[in-house]
Amino acid sequence: MSEQNLLPREKMQQKGVSALNNEELLALVLGCGCSNCDVFQLSRNLSDYLSTVNEFPTMKELLKVRGLGRAKASKVLACLELSSRYMLGARSINVITPEDLEPRLSYLKYENQEHMVLVTLNSSNVVINIHELTTGLVNQTLVHPRETFVHAIEDRAVSVILVHNHPSGSSEPSTEDLHLTRMMCSVGKIVQIPVIDHLIISRCGLTSLCRLYPDIFEKFLQ
């Protein structure tokens, strides 16, 4: 059988996944078409749409693609999110503003428990690693400086950013958030790995404590 006649799954088995074009990859993800649109036409429609967008699409936007229902749109969104978490995590992210981290950490918006995450940076403010420190209850999580800075030291980080989510939907810092930030900044000064920001992520967006309380931090993002 010629390569042109190979189905995507057969082509992947023979040639490797890198040999598949975008439409073939999407056909594998979608699995099947619908009553008025076979899987290959549907994958072409979806590929054409995705090539025109610069940000992750929403469910509402994907449902505008002809032939794409809610179940298949969910599969596409799940694949895009996994790609963000794994591939963007491995790719260099230069953090100039707090918003530069938002795509990589957008999954925190939808968590039902509070997570505390540490982002380690090199001297050029490029992300070295992202560590999940703790998972807490609905509205609180406990973190110790020891667990925080051991990762920074192991990564040979020059600076770090703390990030946590608010499952309540509010991105306003609590009294506990400010207390934790001051404590971590004090420890960062001692070990000479400054905390340059503490971000709060929620369904309402992102809040930078450094923008609100710059005096807490040694140096800060714009």
N, C-alpha and C. Protein backbone atom coordinates (compact mmCIF):
# COMPACT_ATOMS: atom_id res chain seq x y z
N MET A 1 0.85 -1.20 0.00
CA MET A 1 0.00 0.00 0.00
C MET A 1 0.89 1.25 0.00
N SER A 2 0.59 2.18 -0.91
CA SER A 2 1.39 3.40 -0.99
C SER A 2 1.14 4.27 0.22
N GLU A 3 2.07 5.20 0.48
CA GLU A 3 1.93 6.09 1.63
C GLU A 3 0.68 6.93 1.55
N GLN A 4 0.28 7.30 0.30
CA GLN A 4 -0.91 8.14 0.13
C GLN A 4 -2.18 7.42 0.56
N ASN A 5 -2.19 6.07 0.45
CA ASN A 5 -3.38 5.29 0.79
C ASN A 5 -3.39 4.82 2.24
N LEU A 6 -2.33 5.13 3.00
CA LEU A 6 -2.27 4.69 4.39
C LEU A 6 -3.22 5.53 5.25
N LEU A 7 -3.96 4.85 6.10
CA LEU A 7 -4.75 5.57 7.09
C LEU A 7 -3.81 6.15 8.16
N PRO A 8 -4.23 7.21 8.85
CA PRO A 8 -3.33 7.86 9.81
C PRO A 8 -2.70 6.90 10.82
N ARG A 9 -3.50 5.97 11.37
CA ARG A 9 -2.95 5.06 12.37
C ARG A 9 -1.89 4.15 11.76
N GLU A 10 -2.15 3.65 10.56
CA GLU A 10 -1.18 2.79 9.88
C GLU A 10 0.09 3.57 9.52
N LYS A 11 -0.11 4.80 9.06
CA LYS A 11 1.03 5.63 8.70
C LYS A 11 1.90 5.92 9.93
N MET A 12 1.25 6.19 11.07
CA MET A 12 2.00 6.43 12.30
C MET A 12 2.80 5.21 12.71
N GLN A 13 2.20 4.02 12.57
CA GLN A 13 2.90 2.79 12.95
C GLN A 13 4.09 2.52 12.05
N GLN A 14 3.96 2.86 10.78
CA GLN A 14 5.04 2.58 9.83
C GLN A 14 6.10 3.68 9.78
N LYS A 15 5.64 4.94 9.88
CA LYS A 15 6.54 6.07 9.66
C LYS A 15 6.88 6.85 10.92
N GLY A 16 6.10 6.64 11.99
CA GLY A 16 6.28 7.44 13.19
C GLY A 16 5.31 8.61 13.21
N VAL A 17 5.04 9.11 14.41
CA VAL A 17 4.02 10.14 14.55
C VAL A 17 4.43 11.45 13.86
N SER A 18 5.72 11.71 13.74
CA SER A 18 6.17 12.96 13.11
C SER A 18 5.87 13.00 11.62
N ALA A 19 5.56 11.85 11.02
CA ALA A 19 5.27 11.80 9.58
C ALA A 19 3.84 12.26 9.28
N LEU A 20 3.00 12.36 10.30
CA LEU A 20 1.60 12.75 10.08
C LEU A 20 1.47 14.26 9.98
N ASN A 21 0.64 14.70 9.05
CA ASN A 21 0.37 16.14 8.98
C ASN A 21 -0.70 16.51 10.01
N ASN A 22 -1.01 17.78 10.11
CA ASN A 22 -1.95 18.23 11.15
C ASN A 22 -3.33 17.60 11.00
N GLU A 23 -3.80 17.49 9.76
CA GLU A 23 -5.13 16.91 9.53
C GLU A 23 -5.16 15.45 9.96
N GLU A 24 -4.09 14.71 9.69
CA GLU A 24 -4.04 13.30 10.08
C GLU A 24 -3.98 13.15 11.60
N LEU A 25 -3.22 14.02 12.25
CA LEU A 25 -3.18 13.99 13.71
C LEU A 25 -4.55 14.27 14.30
N LEU A 26 -5.22 15.26 13.75
CA LEU A 26 -6.56 15.60 14.25
C LEU A 26 -7.55 14.47 13.98
N ALA A 27 -7.40 13.78 12.85
CA ALA A 27 -8.28 12.65 12.55
C ALA A 27 -8.11 11.55 13.59
N LEU A 28 -6.89 11.33 14.04
CA LEU A 28 -6.66 10.34 15.10
C LEU A 28 -7.29 10.78 16.41
N VAL A 29 -7.18 12.05 16.73
CA VAL A 29 -7.77 12.55 17.97
C VAL A 29 -9.29 12.45 17.92
N LEU A 30 -9.88 12.84 16.79
CA LEU A 30 -11.34 12.87 16.68
C LEU A 30 -11.94 11.46 16.61
N GLY A 31 -11.22 10.55 15.94
CA GLY A 31 -11.66 9.16 15.89
C GLY A 31 -12.67 8.86 14.81
N CYS A 32 -13.69 9.66 14.67
CA CYS A 32 -14.73 9.45 13.66
C CYS A 32 -15.37 10.78 13.33
N GLY A 33 -16.13 10.79 12.25
CA GLY A 33 -16.81 12.00 11.86
C GLY A 33 -18.22 12.03 12.41
N CYS A 34 -19.10 12.70 11.67
CA CYS A 34 -20.51 12.76 12.08
C CYS A 34 -21.37 12.43 10.87
N SER A 35 -22.66 12.54 11.00
CA SER A 35 -23.57 12.09 9.95
C SER A 35 -23.38 12.82 8.62
N ASN A 36 -23.02 14.07 8.68
CA ASN A 36 -22.89 14.85 7.44
C ASN A 36 -21.46 15.28 7.15
N CYS A 37 -20.48 14.67 7.84
CA CYS A 37 -19.08 15.09 7.69
C CYS A 37 -18.18 13.97 8.15
N ASP A 38 -17.42 13.34 7.21
CA ASP A 38 -16.54 12.25 7.64
C ASP A 38 -15.36 12.81 8.42
N VAL A 39 -14.59 11.92 9.05
CA VAL A 39 -13.54 12.35 9.97
C VAL A 39 -12.46 13.16 9.26
N PHE A 40 -12.20 12.87 7.99
CA PHE A 40 -11.15 13.59 7.28
C PHE A 40 -11.59 15.01 6.91
N GLN A 41 -12.85 15.15 6.52
CA GLN A 41 -13.37 16.49 6.26
C GLN A 41 -13.44 17.29 7.55
N LEU A 42 -13.85 16.63 8.62
CA LEU A 42 -13.94 17.31 9.91
C LEU A 42 -12.56 17.76 10.38
N SER A 43 -11.56 16.91 10.20
CA SER A 43 -10.20 17.28 10.61
C SER A 43 -9.67 18.44 9.76
N ARG A 44 -10.06 18.48 8.47
CA ARG A 44 -9.65 19.61 7.62
C ARG A 44 -10.31 20.90 8.10
N ASN A 45 -11.60 20.81 8.42
CA ASN A 45 -12.30 21.99 8.93
C ASN A 45 -11.64 22.51 10.21
N LEU A 46 -11.31 21.59 11.10
CA LEU A 46 -10.71 21.97 12.37
C LEU A 46 -9.30 22.50 12.18
N SER A 47 -8.53 21.85 11.30
CA SER A 47 -7.17 22.32 11.03
C SER A 47 -7.18 23.73 10.45
N ASP A 48 -8.12 23.99 9.54
CA ASP A 48 -8.22 25.32 8.94
C ASP A 48 -8.54 26.36 10.03
N TYR A 49 -9.44 25.99 10.94
CA TYR A 49 -9.80 26.94 12.00
C TYR A 49 -8.62 27.19 12.94
N LEU A 50 -7.95 26.13 13.40
CA LEU A 50 -6.86 26.29 14.36
C LEU A 50 -5.70 27.09 13.78
N SER A 51 -5.53 27.03 12.47
CA SER A 51 -4.43 27.78 11.84
C SER A 51 -4.67 29.28 11.86
N THR A 52 -5.89 29.70 12.18
CA THR A 52 -6.21 31.13 12.17
C THR A 52 -6.20 31.76 13.55
N VAL A 53 -6.06 30.97 14.62
CA VAL A 53 -6.15 31.51 15.97
C VAL A 53 -4.77 31.58 16.61
N ASN A 54 -4.58 32.55 17.48
CA ASN A 54 -3.30 32.74 18.17
C ASN A 54 -3.35 32.31 19.62
N GLU A 55 -4.56 32.05 20.15
CA GLU A 55 -4.72 31.64 21.53
C GLU A 55 -5.52 30.35 21.59
N PHE A 56 -5.51 29.71 22.77
CA PHE A 56 -6.31 28.50 22.93
C PHE A 56 -7.79 28.84 22.70
N PRO A 57 -8.47 28.06 21.87
CA PRO A 57 -9.90 28.33 21.66
C PRO A 57 -10.72 27.89 22.86
N THR A 58 -11.89 28.45 22.98
CA THR A 58 -12.83 28.02 24.02
C THR A 58 -13.76 26.96 23.44
N MET A 59 -14.50 26.31 24.31
CA MET A 59 -15.50 25.34 23.85
C MET A 59 -16.49 26.02 22.90
N LYS A 60 -16.94 27.20 23.27
CA LYS A 60 -17.91 27.92 22.45
C LYS A 60 -17.36 28.18 21.05
N GLU A 61 -16.08 28.55 20.97
CA GLU A 61 -15.47 28.84 19.67
C GLU A 61 -15.32 27.57 18.83
N LEU A 62 -14.91 26.47 19.47
CA LEU A 62 -14.73 25.21 18.73
C LEU A 62 -16.05 24.69 18.17
N LEU A 63 -17.12 24.92 18.89
CA LEU A 63 -18.42 24.42 18.43
C LEU A 63 -18.90 25.13 17.16
N LYS A 64 -18.22 26.20 16.77
CA LYS A 64 -18.55 26.88 15.51
C LYS A 64 -17.98 26.15 14.29
N VAL A 65 -17.02 25.22 14.53
CA VAL A 65 -16.44 24.45 13.44
C VAL A 65 -17.48 23.45 12.93
N ARG A 66 -17.74 23.46 11.65
CA ARG A 66 -18.79 22.61 11.10
C ARG A 66 -18.52 21.13 11.34
N GLY A 67 -19.50 20.47 11.96
CA GLY A 67 -19.39 19.04 12.21
C GLY A 67 -18.80 18.68 13.57
N LEU A 68 -18.32 19.68 14.31
CA LEU A 68 -17.66 19.40 15.59
C LEU A 68 -18.67 19.56 16.73
N GLY A 69 -18.96 18.45 17.41
CA GLY A 69 -19.87 18.49 18.55
C GLY A 69 -19.13 18.68 19.85
N ARG A 70 -19.88 18.69 20.94
CA ARG A 70 -19.30 18.97 22.24
C ARG A 70 -18.31 17.89 22.68
N ALA A 71 -18.61 16.63 22.41
CA ALA A 71 -17.73 15.54 22.83
C ALA A 71 -16.37 15.62 22.13
N LYS A 72 -16.39 15.86 20.82
CA LYS A 72 -15.14 15.94 20.07
C LYS A 72 -14.39 17.24 20.41
N ALA A 73 -15.12 18.31 20.62
CA ALA A 73 -14.47 19.56 21.03
C ALA A 73 -13.78 19.38 22.37
N SER A 74 -14.36 18.60 23.26
CA SER A 74 -13.73 18.33 24.56
C SER A 74 -12.42 17.59 24.38
N LYS A 75 -12.39 16.63 23.45
CA LYS A 75 -11.15 15.91 23.17
C LYS A 75 -10.05 16.85 22.66
N VAL A 76 -10.45 17.76 21.78
CA VAL A 76 -9.48 18.71 21.22
C VAL A 76 -8.93 19.62 22.31
N LEU A 77 -9.82 20.13 23.15
CA LEU A 77 -9.38 21.01 24.24
C LEU A 77 -8.45 20.26 25.20
N ALA A 78 -8.76 18.99 25.49
CA ALA A 78 -7.91 18.21 26.38
C ALA A 78 -6.51 18.03 25.77
N CYS A 79 -6.44 17.77 24.47
CA CYS A 79 -5.14 17.61 23.80
C CYS A 79 -4.34 18.91 23.82
N LEU A 80 -5.02 20.03 23.57
CA LEU A 80 -4.34 21.32 23.59
C LEU A 80 -3.81 21.63 24.98
N GLU A 81 -4.60 21.32 26.01
CA GLU A 81 -4.18 21.60 27.38
C GLU A 81 -2.99 20.74 27.77
N LEU A 82 -3.01 19.45 27.40
CA LEU A 82 -1.87 18.57 27.68
C LEU A 82 -0.62 19.07 26.97
N SER A 83 -0.80 19.51 25.73
CA SER A 83 0.33 20.06 24.98
C SER A 83 0.90 21.27 25.70
N SER A 84 0.02 22.13 26.22
CA SER A 84 0.47 23.30 26.97
C SER A 84 1.26 22.90 28.20
N ARG A 85 0.73 21.93 28.95
CA ARG A 85 1.38 21.57 30.22
C ARG A 85 2.72 20.90 30.01
N TYR A 86 2.81 20.01 29.02
CA TYR A 86 4.04 19.24 28.85
C TYR A 86 5.02 19.92 27.90
N MET A 87 4.55 20.33 26.72
CA MET A 87 5.48 20.87 25.74
C MET A 87 5.91 22.29 26.08
N LEU A 88 4.95 23.13 26.50
CA LEU A 88 5.34 24.49 26.89
C LEU A 88 6.18 24.47 28.15
N GLY A 89 5.95 23.45 28.98
CA GLY A 89 6.75 23.33 30.18
C GLY A 89 8.19 23.01 29.86
N ALA A 90 8.41 22.32 28.74
CA ALA A 90 9.77 21.95 28.36
C ALA A 90 10.42 23.01 27.48
N ARG A 91 9.62 23.94 26.97
CA ARG A 91 10.14 24.96 26.07
C ARG A 91 10.50 26.21 26.87
N SER A 92 11.47 26.94 26.40
CA SER A 92 11.92 28.13 27.11
C SER A 92 10.80 29.16 27.19
N ILE A 93 10.54 29.65 28.40
CA ILE A 93 9.56 30.71 28.62
C ILE A 93 10.30 31.88 29.25
N ASN A 94 10.38 32.97 28.54
CA ASN A 94 11.05 34.15 29.05
C ASN A 94 10.01 35.02 29.76
N VAL A 95 10.16 35.18 31.07
CA VAL A 95 9.17 35.87 31.87
C VAL A 95 9.54 37.35 31.98
N ILE A 96 8.88 38.18 31.19
CA ILE A 96 9.08 39.62 31.25
C ILE A 96 8.00 40.26 32.10
N THR A 97 6.77 39.77 31.95
CA THR A 97 5.65 40.24 32.77
C THR A 97 4.96 39.02 33.39
N PRO A 98 4.20 39.20 34.44
CA PRO A 98 3.49 38.06 35.05
C PRO A 98 2.61 37.31 34.06
N GLU A 99 2.03 38.03 33.09
CA GLU A 99 1.13 37.40 32.12
C GLU A 99 1.84 36.38 31.24
N ASP A 100 3.18 36.45 31.15
CA ASP A 100 3.92 35.47 30.35
C ASP A 100 3.78 34.06 30.90
N LEU A 101 3.50 33.94 32.19
CA LEU A 101 3.34 32.63 32.81
C LEU A 101 1.91 32.10 32.74
N GLU A 102 0.97 32.95 32.43
CA GLU A 102 -0.44 32.57 32.52
C GLU A 102 -0.81 31.39 31.62
N PRO A 103 -0.36 31.33 30.35
CA PRO A 103 -0.74 30.16 29.52
C PRO A 103 -0.24 28.84 30.11
N ARG A 104 0.96 28.86 30.68
CA ARG A 104 1.53 27.63 31.22
C ARG A 104 0.81 27.17 32.48
N LEU A 105 0.20 28.10 33.20
CA LEU A 105 -0.42 27.76 34.48
C LEU A 105 -1.94 27.92 34.45
N SER A 106 -2.50 28.01 33.25
CA SER A 106 -3.94 28.27 33.14
C SER A 106 -4.78 27.15 33.73
N TYR A 107 -4.23 25.94 33.80
CA TYR A 107 -5.00 24.82 34.36
C TYR A 107 -5.39 25.06 35.81
N LEU A 108 -4.62 25.91 36.52
CA LEU A 108 -4.92 26.18 37.93
C LEU A 108 -6.27 26.88 38.10
N LYS A 109 -6.74 27.56 37.07
CA LYS A 109 -8.01 28.28 37.16
C LYS A 109 -9.17 27.34 37.51
N TYR A 110 -9.04 26.09 37.08
CA TYR A 110 -10.18 25.19 37.17
C TYR A 110 -10.04 24.14 38.27
N GLU A 111 -9.00 24.26 39.07
CA GLU A 111 -8.82 23.31 40.17
C GLU A 111 -9.79 23.64 41.31
N ASN A 112 -10.29 22.58 41.97
CA ASN A 112 -11.23 22.76 43.07
C ASN A 112 -10.54 22.89 44.42
N GLN A 113 -9.25 22.60 44.46
CA GLN A 113 -8.46 22.79 45.66
C GLN A 113 -7.35 23.78 45.38
N GLU A 114 -6.82 24.34 46.45
CA GLU A 114 -5.76 25.34 46.29
C GLU A 114 -4.42 24.63 46.09
N HIS A 115 -3.69 25.07 45.07
CA HIS A 115 -2.37 24.53 44.76
C HIS A 115 -1.34 25.64 44.90
N MET A 116 -0.19 25.30 45.45
CA MET A 116 0.92 26.24 45.51
C MET A 116 2.03 25.72 44.58
N VAL A 117 2.47 26.59 43.69
CA VAL A 117 3.43 26.23 42.65
C VAL A 117 4.63 27.16 42.74
N LEU A 118 5.81 26.60 42.48
CA LEU A 118 7.04 27.39 42.47
C LEU A 118 7.61 27.40 41.06
N VAL A 119 7.91 28.59 40.54
CA VAL A 119 8.56 28.74 39.24
C VAL A 119 9.99 29.20 39.49
N THR A 120 10.96 28.41 39.01
CA THR A 120 12.37 28.78 39.18
C THR A 120 12.88 29.41 37.88
N LEU A 121 13.70 30.45 38.03
CA LEU A 121 14.18 31.24 36.89
C LEU A 121 15.70 31.33 36.88
N ASN A 122 16.25 31.45 35.67
CA ASN A 122 17.69 31.67 35.57
C ASN A 122 17.99 33.17 35.52
N SER A 123 19.21 33.53 35.24
CA SER A 123 19.62 34.94 35.29
C SER A 123 18.98 35.78 34.19
N SER A 124 18.43 35.12 33.16
CA SER A 124 17.75 35.84 32.08
C SER A 124 16.24 35.83 32.24
N ASN A 125 15.76 35.44 33.42
CA ASN A 125 14.33 35.32 33.69
C ASN A 125 13.64 34.29 32.79
N VAL A 126 14.39 33.28 32.39
CA VAL A 126 13.84 32.15 31.64
C VAL A 126 13.49 31.05 32.63
N VAL A 127 12.33 30.44 32.45
CA VAL A 127 11.87 29.40 33.36
C VAL A 127 12.80 28.18 33.29
N ILE A 128 13.27 27.77 34.45
CA ILE A 128 14.06 26.53 34.55
C ILE A 128 13.12 25.35 34.77
N ASN A 129 12.21 25.51 35.72
CA ASN A 129 11.32 24.42 36.08
C ASN A 129 10.08 24.98 36.78
N ILE A 130 9.04 24.17 36.82
CA ILE A 130 7.83 24.51 37.55
C ILE A 130 7.51 23.35 38.49
N HIS A 131 7.48 23.63 39.77
CA HIS A 131 7.28 22.60 40.80
C HIS A 131 5.97 22.82 41.52
N GLU A 132 5.18 21.78 41.65
CA GLU A 132 3.99 21.87 42.50
C GLU A 132 4.41 21.55 43.92
N LEU A 133 4.23 22.50 44.82
CA LEU A 133 4.69 22.34 46.20
C LEU A 133 3.66 21.63 47.07
N THR A 134 2.43 22.09 47.03
CA THR A 134 1.39 21.52 47.89
C THR A 134 0.04 21.58 47.21
N THR A 135 -0.84 20.70 47.64
CA THR A 135 -2.26 20.75 47.29
C THR A 135 -3.03 20.80 48.59
N GLY A 136 -3.89 21.80 48.74
CA GLY A 136 -4.54 22.01 50.02
C GLY A 136 -6.01 21.69 50.01
N LEU A 137 -6.75 22.37 50.85
CA LEU A 137 -8.19 22.21 50.94
C LEU A 137 -8.84 23.13 49.92
N VAL A 138 -10.13 23.37 50.08
CA VAL A 138 -10.84 24.21 49.11
C VAL A 138 -10.27 25.62 49.10
N ASN A 139 -9.92 26.15 50.27
CA ASN A 139 -9.53 27.56 50.33
C ASN A 139 -8.22 27.81 51.06
N GLN A 140 -7.39 26.77 51.24
CA GLN A 140 -6.12 27.03 51.88
C GLN A 140 -5.12 25.93 51.57
N THR A 141 -3.87 26.28 51.56
CA THR A 141 -2.79 25.32 51.38
C THR A 141 -1.62 25.75 52.25
N LEU A 142 -0.90 24.80 52.77
CA LEU A 142 0.22 25.09 53.65
C LEU A 142 1.52 24.78 52.93
N VAL A 143 2.47 25.69 53.04
CA VAL A 143 3.76 25.49 52.39
C VAL A 143 4.85 25.98 53.33
N HIS A 144 5.96 25.26 53.34
CA HIS A 144 7.08 25.60 54.22
C HIS A 144 8.25 26.10 53.37
N PRO A 145 9.00 27.09 53.84
CA PRO A 145 10.15 27.57 53.07
C PRO A 145 11.15 26.48 52.71
N ARG A 146 11.27 25.47 53.58
CA ARG A 146 12.23 24.39 53.31
C ARG A 146 11.91 23.69 51.99
N GLU A 147 10.62 23.31 51.80
CA GLU A 147 10.23 22.63 50.56
C GLU A 147 10.32 23.57 49.36
N THR A 148 10.12 24.84 49.62
CA THR A 148 10.15 25.82 48.53
C THR A 148 11.57 26.01 48.00
N PHE A 149 12.49 26.30 48.89
CA PHE A 149 13.82 26.70 48.43
C PHE A 149 14.74 25.52 48.13
N VAL A 150 14.38 24.32 48.57
CA VAL A 150 15.20 23.18 48.19
C VAL A 150 15.11 22.98 46.68
N HIS A 151 13.93 23.22 46.09
CA HIS A 151 13.80 23.11 44.63
C HIS A 151 14.63 24.21 43.93
N ALA A 152 14.56 25.41 44.49
CA ALA A 152 15.30 26.52 43.88
C ALA A 152 16.80 26.25 43.91
N ILE A 153 17.29 25.70 45.01
CA ILE A 153 18.72 25.40 45.13
C ILE A 153 19.11 24.28 44.18
N GLU A 154 18.28 23.24 44.11
CA GLU A 154 18.57 22.12 43.20
C GLU A 154 18.58 22.58 41.74
N ASP A 155 17.71 23.52 41.40
CA ASP A 155 17.65 24.04 40.02
C ASP A 155 18.73 25.09 39.75
N ARG A 156 19.48 25.47 40.80
CA ARG A 156 20.46 26.57 40.69
C ARG A 156 19.78 27.84 40.18
N ALA A 157 18.61 28.09 40.73
CA ALA A 157 17.81 29.25 40.30
C ALA A 157 18.42 30.54 40.81
N VAL A 158 18.25 31.59 40.03
CA VAL A 158 18.69 32.93 40.42
C VAL A 158 17.57 33.67 41.13
N SER A 159 16.32 33.34 40.78
CA SER A 159 15.15 33.93 41.43
C SER A 159 13.97 32.97 41.27
N VAL A 160 12.90 33.25 41.99
CA VAL A 160 11.71 32.38 41.92
C VAL A 160 10.44 33.22 41.93
N ILE A 161 9.37 32.61 41.47
CA ILE A 161 8.04 33.20 41.54
C ILE A 161 7.11 32.18 42.19
N LEU A 162 6.35 32.63 43.17
CA LEU A 162 5.32 31.79 43.78
C LEU A 162 4.01 31.99 43.03
N VAL A 163 3.26 30.90 42.89
CA VAL A 163 1.96 30.97 42.22
C VAL A 163 0.99 30.08 42.98
N HIS A 164 -0.22 30.59 43.24
CA HIS A 164 -1.26 29.70 43.74
C HIS A 164 -2.61 30.14 43.20
N ASN A 165 -3.57 29.25 43.29
CA ASN A 165 -4.90 29.52 42.76
C ASN A 165 -5.89 29.76 43.89
N HIS A 166 -6.96 30.44 43.54
CA HIS A 166 -8.09 30.65 44.46
C HIS A 166 -9.32 29.96 43.86
N PRO A 167 -9.69 28.79 44.37
CA PRO A 167 -10.87 28.09 43.83
C PRO A 167 -12.16 28.90 43.95
N SER A 168 -12.20 29.85 44.87
CA SER A 168 -13.41 30.66 45.07
C SER A 168 -13.73 31.53 43.86
N GLY A 169 -12.73 31.78 43.02
CA GLY A 169 -12.92 32.65 41.85
C GLY A 169 -12.36 34.04 42.05
N SER A 170 -12.14 34.44 43.29
CA SER A 170 -11.56 35.76 43.56
C SER A 170 -10.05 35.70 43.41
N SER A 171 -9.48 36.75 42.86
CA SER A 171 -8.02 36.81 42.75
C SER A 171 -7.43 37.83 43.72
N GLU A 172 -8.24 38.27 44.68
CA GLU A 172 -7.76 39.22 45.68
C GLU A 172 -6.91 38.48 46.72
N PRO A 173 -5.74 39.04 47.08
CA PRO A 173 -4.89 38.38 48.09
C PRO A 173 -5.52 38.45 49.48
N SER A 174 -5.38 37.37 50.22
CA SER A 174 -5.86 37.32 51.60
C SER A 174 -4.76 37.78 52.54
N THR A 175 -5.11 37.95 53.79
CA THR A 175 -4.10 38.28 54.82
C THR A 175 -3.06 37.18 54.90
N GLU A 176 -3.50 35.92 54.80
CA GLU A 176 -2.57 34.79 54.83
C GLU A 176 -1.63 34.81 53.63
N ASP A 177 -2.15 35.21 52.46
CA ASP A 177 -1.30 35.30 51.26
C ASP A 177 -0.18 36.32 51.47
N LEU A 178 -0.51 37.45 52.05
CA LEU A 178 0.49 38.49 52.28
C LEU A 178 1.51 38.05 53.34
N HIS A 179 1.03 37.38 54.37
CA HIS A 179 1.95 36.88 55.40
C HIS A 179 2.92 35.87 54.81
N LEU A 180 2.40 34.93 54.01
CA LEU A 180 3.26 33.93 53.38
C LEU A 180 4.27 34.59 52.45
N THR A 181 3.82 35.58 51.69
CA THR A 181 4.72 36.27 50.76
C THR A 181 5.86 36.96 51.50
N ARG A 182 5.55 37.65 52.56
CA ARG A 182 6.60 38.33 53.35
C ARG A 182 7.59 37.33 53.92
N MET A 183 7.08 36.20 54.42
CA MET A 183 7.96 35.19 54.98
C MET A 183 8.89 34.61 53.91
N MET A 184 8.33 34.28 52.73
CA MET A 184 9.14 33.70 51.66
C MET A 184 10.17 34.70 51.14
N CYS A 185 9.77 35.96 51.05
CA CYS A 185 10.73 36.98 50.60
C CYS A 185 11.87 37.13 51.59
N SER A 186 11.58 37.04 52.87
CA SER A 186 12.62 37.14 53.90
C SER A 186 13.59 35.97 53.79
N VAL A 187 13.05 34.77 53.58
CA VAL A 187 13.92 33.59 53.43
C VAL A 187 14.74 33.71 52.15
N GLY A 188 14.10 34.20 51.08
CA GLY A 188 14.81 34.38 49.81
C GLY A 188 16.00 35.30 49.93
N LYS A 189 15.86 36.35 50.75
CA LYS A 189 17.00 37.26 50.97
C LYS A 189 18.14 36.54 51.67
N ILE A 190 17.80 35.68 52.61
CA ILE A 190 18.84 34.96 53.37
C ILE A 190 19.61 34.00 52.47
N VAL A 191 18.89 33.25 51.63
CA VAL A 191 19.56 32.26 50.76
C VAL A 191 20.00 32.88 49.44
N GLN A 192 19.74 34.16 49.26
CA GLN A 192 20.13 34.91 48.07
C GLN A 192 19.48 34.37 46.80
N ILE A 193 18.24 33.94 46.95
CA ILE A 193 17.40 33.57 45.80
C ILE A 193 16.10 34.35 45.96
N PRO A 194 16.04 35.56 45.45
CA PRO A 194 14.88 36.43 45.74
C PRO A 194 13.58 35.91 45.13
N VAL A 195 12.52 36.12 45.87
CA VAL A 195 11.16 35.92 45.35
C VAL A 195 10.78 37.21 44.63
N ILE A 196 10.58 37.14 43.32
CA ILE A 196 10.34 38.37 42.57
C ILE A 196 8.86 38.64 42.32
N ASP A 197 8.00 37.67 42.62
CA ASP A 197 6.56 37.91 42.53
C ASP A 197 5.82 36.75 43.17
N HIS A 198 4.57 36.99 43.50
CA HIS A 198 3.65 35.96 43.96
C HIS A 198 2.36 36.19 43.20
N LEU A 199 1.97 35.23 42.37
CA LEU A 199 0.81 35.37 41.51
C LEU A 199 -0.36 34.58 42.06
N ILE A 200 -1.54 35.16 41.94
CA ILE A 200 -2.78 34.47 42.29
C ILE A 200 -3.59 34.30 41.01
N ILE A 201 -3.95 33.06 40.72
CA ILE A 201 -4.71 32.75 39.51
C ILE A 201 -6.09 32.26 39.91
N SER A 202 -7.10 32.78 39.22
CA SER A 202 -8.48 32.33 39.44
C SER A 202 -9.22 32.42 38.12
N ARG A 203 -10.49 32.03 38.14
CA ARG A 203 -11.31 32.13 36.93
C ARG A 203 -11.49 33.58 36.50
N CYS A 204 -11.25 34.51 37.42
CA CYS A 204 -11.40 35.93 37.10
C CYS A 204 -10.13 36.53 36.49
N GLY A 205 -9.04 35.78 36.50
CA GLY A 205 -7.81 36.29 35.93
C GLY A 205 -6.62 36.10 36.84
N LEU A 206 -5.65 36.99 36.71
CA LEU A 206 -4.37 36.87 37.41
C LEU A 206 -4.08 38.15 38.19
N THR A 207 -3.58 37.99 39.41
CA THR A 207 -3.18 39.12 40.23
C THR A 207 -1.71 38.97 40.60
N SER A 208 -0.94 40.02 40.40
CA SER A 208 0.46 40.06 40.79
C SER A 208 0.58 40.84 42.11
N LEU A 209 1.03 40.14 43.15
CA LEU A 209 1.22 40.83 44.43
C LEU A 209 2.34 41.84 44.33
N CYS A 210 3.27 41.61 43.44
CA CYS A 210 4.37 42.56 43.28
C CYS A 210 3.87 43.90 42.74
N ARG A 211 2.87 43.85 41.89
CA ARG A 211 2.29 45.10 41.39
C ARG A 211 1.53 45.83 42.49
N LEU A 212 0.88 45.05 43.37
CA LEU A 212 0.09 45.67 44.42
C LEU A 212 0.94 46.11 45.61
N TYR A 213 1.97 45.31 45.91
CA TYR A 213 2.81 45.56 47.10
C TYR A 213 4.29 45.45 46.72
N PRO A 214 4.79 46.35 45.87
CA PRO A 214 6.17 46.23 45.38
C PRO A 214 7.22 46.30 46.48
N ASP A 215 6.90 46.95 47.58
CA ASP A 215 7.90 47.10 48.64
C ASP A 215 8.24 45.77 49.33
N ILE A 216 7.39 44.77 49.17
CA ILE A 216 7.68 43.48 49.79
C ILE A 216 8.84 42.79 49.07
N PHE A 217 9.02 43.07 47.80
CA PHE A 217 9.92 42.31 46.94
C PHE A 217 11.23 43.06 46.71
N GLU A 218 12.31 42.27 46.51
CA GLU A 218 13.62 42.88 46.26
C GLU A 218 13.66 43.52 44.88
N LYS A 219 13.19 42.78 43.89
CA LYS A 219 13.08 43.31 42.53
C LYS A 219 11.80 42.73 41.98
N PHE A 220 11.28 43.36 40.95
CA PHE A 220 9.97 42.90 40.50
C PHE A 220 9.81 43.07 39.01
N LEU A 221 8.82 42.29 38.51
CA LEU A 221 8.46 42.36 37.10
C LEU A 221 7.60 43.59 36.86
N GLN A 222 7.51 44.02 35.62
CA GLN A 222 6.73 45.19 35.28
C GLN A 222 5.25 44.84 35.14
